[in-house]
Amino acid sequence: MKSYVRHASGEQMRTGAVAGGNAFGTEYVHFDLSGVDRARPGAIICKARLDTTAYL
């Protein structure tokens, strides 16, 4: 696993290496609660971050 983040709602997002993939990251982001894997073809994603405007 390269990067991991957990939102206050409980959703977890991670990036990580896959067999035969790039050592710096992959084109996939994995969302654990929803079970969704998103990809951006040609990208190398190495960090998982959440962006929100709901600051307290």
C-alpha atoms as a PDB file:
ATOM      1  CA  MET A   1       0.000   0.000   0.000  1.00  0.00           C
ATOM      2  CA  LYS A   2       1.404   3.392  -0.999  1.00  0.00           C
ATOM      3  CA  SER A   3      -1.094   5.774   0.631  1.00  0.00           C
ATOM      4  CA  TYR A   4      -4.180   5.563   2.862  1.00  0.00           C
ATOM      5  CA  VAL A   5      -6.759   8.096   4.093  1.00  0.00           C
ATOM      6  CA  ARG A   6      -9.987   7.732   6.111  1.00  0.00           C
ATOM      7  CA  HIS A   7     -12.855  10.240   5.956  1.00  0.00           C
ATOM      8  CA  ALA A   8     -14.972  11.078   9.044  1.00  0.00           C
ATOM      9  CA  SER A   9     -17.887   9.246   7.349  1.00  0.00           C
ATOM     10  CA  GLY A  10     -15.862   6.027   7.519  1.00  0.00           C
ATOM     11  CA  GLU A  11     -15.013   5.843   3.809  1.00  0.00           C
ATOM     12  CA  GLN A  12     -11.448   4.696   3.255  1.00  0.00           C
ATOM     13  CA  MET A  13      -9.402   5.450   0.167  1.00  0.00           C
ATOM     14  CA  ARG A  14      -6.058   3.903  -0.730  1.00  0.00           C
ATOM     15  CA  THR A  15      -3.566   3.638  -3.523  1.00  0.00           C
ATOM     16  CA  GLY A  16      -1.109   0.846  -3.924  1.00  0.00           C
ATOM     17  CA  ALA A  17       1.127  -1.190  -6.118  1.00  0.00           C
ATOM     18  CA  VAL A  18      -0.254  -3.993  -8.263  1.00  0.00           C
ATOM     19  CA  ALA A  19       1.580  -6.944  -9.727  1.00  0.00           C
ATOM     20  CA  GLY A  20       3.532  -5.781 -12.768  1.00  0.00           C
ATOM     21  CA  GLY A  21       2.746  -2.139 -11.979  1.00  0.00           C
ATOM     22  CA  ASN A  22       4.893   0.936 -11.491  1.00  0.00           C
ATOM     23  CA  ALA A  23       6.888   1.132  -8.213  1.00  0.00           C
ATOM     24  CA  PHE A  24       5.775   4.766  -7.717  1.00  0.00           C
ATOM     25  CA  GLY A  25       2.028   4.136  -7.976  1.00  0.00           C
ATOM     26  CA  THR A  26      -0.715   2.925 -10.284  1.00  0.00           C
ATOM     27  CA  GLU A  27      -3.634   4.349 -12.240  1.00  0.00           C
ATOM     28  CA  TYR A  28      -6.090   3.037  -9.594  1.00  0.00           C
ATOM     29  CA  VAL A  29      -7.646   4.497  -6.438  1.00  0.00           C
ATOM     30  CA  HIS A  30      -9.545   2.021  -4.238  1.00  0.00           C
ATOM     31  CA  PHE A  31     -12.574   3.042  -2.137  1.00  0.00           C
ATOM     32  CA  ASP A  32     -13.048   0.390   0.548  1.00  0.00           C
ATOM     33  CA  LEU A  33     -16.597   0.936   1.896  1.00  0.00           C
ATOM     34  CA  SER A  34     -18.226   1.376  -1.495  1.00  0.00           C
ATOM     35  CA  GLY A  35     -16.017  -1.290  -3.071  1.00  0.00           C
ATOM     36  CA  VAL A  36     -15.252   0.913  -6.077  1.00  0.00           C
ATOM     37  CA  ASP A  37     -11.939   1.063  -7.918  1.00  0.00           C
ATOM     38  CA  ARG A  38     -11.439   4.155 -10.067  1.00  0.00           C
ATOM     39  CA  ALA A  39      -8.777   4.484 -12.733  1.00  0.00           C
ATOM     40  CA  ARG A  40      -7.337   7.327 -14.762  1.00  0.00           C
ATOM     41  CA  PRO A  41      -5.657   5.667 -17.756  1.00  0.00           C
ATOM     42  CA  GLY A  42      -2.048   6.732 -18.175  1.00  0.00           C
ATOM     43  CA  ALA A  43      -1.836   8.304 -14.702  1.00  0.00           C
ATOM     44  CA  ILE A  44       0.554   7.362 -11.901  1.00  0.00           C
ATOM     45  CA  ILE A  45      -1.325   7.995  -8.631  1.00  0.00           C
ATOM     46  CA  CYS A  46       0.930   7.783  -5.610  1.00  0.00           C
ATOM     47  CA  LYS A  47      -0.957   9.638  -2.819  1.00  0.00           C
ATOM     48  CA  ALA A  48      -4.506   9.369  -1.492  1.00  0.00           C
ATOM     49  CA  ARG A  49      -5.906  12.697  -0.281  1.00  0.00           C
ATOM     50  CA  LEU A  50      -9.395  13.971   0.477  1.00  0.00           C
ATOM     51  CA  ASP A  51     -10.294  17.528  -0.459  1.00  0.00           C
ATOM     52  CA  THR A  52     -13.201  19.281   1.261  1.00  0.00           C
ATOM     53  CA  THR A  53     -14.452  22.818   1.725  1.00  0.00           C
ATOM     54  CA  ALA A  54     -16.340  21.889   4.921  1.00  0.00           C
ATOM     55  CA  TYR A  55     -13.805  23.275   7.394  1.00  0.00           C
ATOM     56  CA  LEU A  56     -14.876  23.666  11.007  1.00  0.00           C
END
